[in-house]
Structures are given as C-alpha cells and as structure tokens.
Amino acid sequence: MSDLPDNIKALQEKFRPRFEAQDARMASLAAAAFAAELANAEVTHDLPIDEALALHAAEAEKYS
C-alpha cells in the first residue's frame, strides 16, 4: 500500500470507516443466518460428541 499515490491513500482513509462498518454488518448478517440455520436444523441421527463437533467446525468454517 505504501507505493500508492497520496491521493489514493487519502481516499482509502476517507472511506475506511464506511468499509469497516459494512464489514461488521456483513459479519453480523452472516452470523445471524448461520444461527437461523442451526435453529431450524432437524436432528436426523445421533452422533458421538467428537464427530458432532468436527461437523460443526467444518460448517462454521464455511461462514468465516
């Protein structure tokens, strides 16, 4: 980023708060969608806890 012209750096700094706010909103929406998906999930079979946690981690990784 240091090799960018000063006017481009200034624009980036001007819009940084907006972009950071948008990133936060998108992360919040993604978390809410994931929570809704989990809340509406139907249990189809029982799993040992280690398998369930591995599946959960894999699913959560999709949204991060």
C-alpha atoms as a PDB file:
ATOM      1  CA  MET A   1       0.000   0.000   0.000  1.00  0.00           C
ATOM      2  CA  SER A   2       2.928   2.356   0.570  1.00  0.00           C
ATOM      3  CA  ASP A   3       3.590   2.573  -3.167  1.00  0.00           C
ATOM      4  CA  LEU A   4       0.155   4.078  -3.841  1.00  0.00           C
ATOM      5  CA  PRO A   5      -0.172   7.770  -4.681  1.00  0.00           C
ATOM      6  CA  ASP A   6      -1.069  10.065  -1.806  1.00  0.00           C
ATOM      7  CA  ASN A   7      -4.481  10.915  -3.282  1.00  0.00           C
ATOM      8  CA  ILE A   8      -5.418   7.207  -3.383  1.00  0.00           C
ATOM      9  CA  LYS A   9      -4.231   6.745   0.211  1.00  0.00           C
ATOM     10  CA  ALA A  10      -6.337   9.733   1.257  1.00  0.00           C
ATOM     11  CA  LEU A  11      -9.425   8.263  -0.399  1.00  0.00           C
ATOM     12  CA  GLN A  12      -8.827   4.923   1.295  1.00  0.00           C
ATOM     13  CA  GLU A  13      -8.573   6.619   4.680  1.00  0.00           C
ATOM     14  CA  LYS A  14     -11.691   8.681   3.982  1.00  0.00           C
ATOM     15  CA  PHE A  15     -13.797   5.614   3.219  1.00  0.00           C
ATOM     16  CA  ARG A  16     -12.163   3.202   5.697  1.00  0.00           C
ATOM     17  CA  PRO A  17     -14.827   3.772   8.427  1.00  0.00           C
ATOM     18  CA  ARG A  18     -17.608   3.008   5.936  1.00  0.00           C
ATOM     19  CA  PHE A  19     -15.900  -0.154   4.746  1.00  0.00           C
ATOM     20  CA  GLU A  20     -15.210  -1.307   8.290  1.00  0.00           C
ATOM     21  CA  ALA A  21     -18.838  -0.662   9.243  1.00  0.00           C
ATOM     22  CA  GLN A  22     -20.016  -2.584   6.200  1.00  0.00           C
ATOM     23  CA  ASP A  23     -17.691  -5.475   7.086  1.00  0.00           C
ATOM     24  CA  ALA A  24     -19.155  -5.543  10.594  1.00  0.00           C
ATOM     25  CA  ARG A  25     -22.721  -5.506   9.242  1.00  0.00           C
ATOM     26  CA  MET A  26     -21.957  -8.343   6.826  1.00  0.00           C
ATOM     27  CA  ALA A  27     -20.331 -10.405   9.582  1.00  0.00           C
ATOM     28  CA  SER A  28     -23.384  -9.832  11.762  1.00  0.00           C
ATOM     29  CA  LEU A  29     -25.733 -10.866   8.956  1.00  0.00           C
ATOM     30  CA  ALA A  30     -23.680 -13.990   8.277  1.00  0.00           C
ATOM     31  CA  ALA A  31     -23.720 -14.917  11.966  1.00  0.00           C
ATOM     32  CA  ALA A  32     -27.491 -14.380  12.123  1.00  0.00           C
ATOM     33  CA  ALA A  33     -28.015 -16.520   9.014  1.00  0.00           C
ATOM     34  CA  PHE A  34     -25.872 -19.278  10.498  1.00  0.00           C
ATOM     35  CA  ALA A  35     -27.741 -19.086  13.810  1.00  0.00           C
ATOM     36  CA  ALA A  36     -31.077 -19.267  11.985  1.00  0.00           C
ATOM     37  CA  GLU A  37     -29.872 -22.260  10.003  1.00  0.00           C
ATOM     38  CA  LEU A  38     -28.802 -24.023  13.194  1.00  0.00           C
ATOM     39  CA  ALA A  39     -32.066 -23.121  14.934  1.00  0.00           C
ATOM     40  CA  ASN A  40     -34.055 -24.629  12.071  1.00  0.00           C
ATOM     41  CA  ALA A  41     -31.904 -27.731  11.753  1.00  0.00           C
ATOM     42  CA  GLU A  42     -33.604 -31.069  12.122  1.00  0.00           C
ATOM     43  CA  VAL A  43     -31.823 -33.798  14.051  1.00  0.00           C
ATOM     44  CA  THR A  44     -31.671 -36.812  11.779  1.00  0.00           C
ATOM     45  CA  HIS A  45     -29.331 -39.068  13.733  1.00  0.00           C
ATOM     46  CA  ASP A  46     -27.277 -39.145  16.893  1.00  0.00           C
ATOM     47  CA  LEU A  47     -23.529 -38.644  16.702  1.00  0.00           C
ATOM     48  CA  PRO A  48     -20.760 -39.005  19.237  1.00  0.00           C
ATOM     49  CA  ILE A  49     -19.688 -35.595  20.505  1.00  0.00           C
ATOM     50  CA  ASP A  50     -16.319 -35.607  18.741  1.00  0.00           C
ATOM     51  CA  GLU A  51     -17.953 -36.264  15.361  1.00  0.00           C
ATOM     52  CA  ALA A  52     -20.640 -33.657  16.009  1.00  0.00           C
ATOM     53  CA  LEU A  53     -18.033 -31.038  16.936  1.00  0.00           C
ATOM     54  CA  ALA A  54     -15.991 -31.836  13.830  1.00  0.00           C
ATOM     55  CA  LEU A  55     -19.071 -31.404  11.636  1.00  0.00           C
ATOM     56  CA  HIS A  56     -19.961 -28.187  13.416  1.00  0.00           C
ATOM     57  CA  ALA A  57     -16.436 -26.806  12.964  1.00  0.00           C
ATOM     58  CA  ALA A  58     -16.495 -27.669   9.259  1.00  0.00           C
ATOM     59  CA  GLU A  59     -19.870 -25.959   8.805  1.00  0.00           C
ATOM     60  CA  ALA A  60     -18.794 -22.889  10.778  1.00  0.00           C
ATOM     61  CA  GLU A  61     -15.653 -22.605   8.636  1.00  0.00           C
ATOM     62  CA  LYS A  62     -17.887 -22.060   5.585  1.00  0.00           C
ATOM     63  CA  TYR A  63     -19.187 -18.827   7.124  1.00  0.00           C
ATOM     64  CA  SER A  64     -15.917 -17.366   8.359  1.00  0.00           C
END
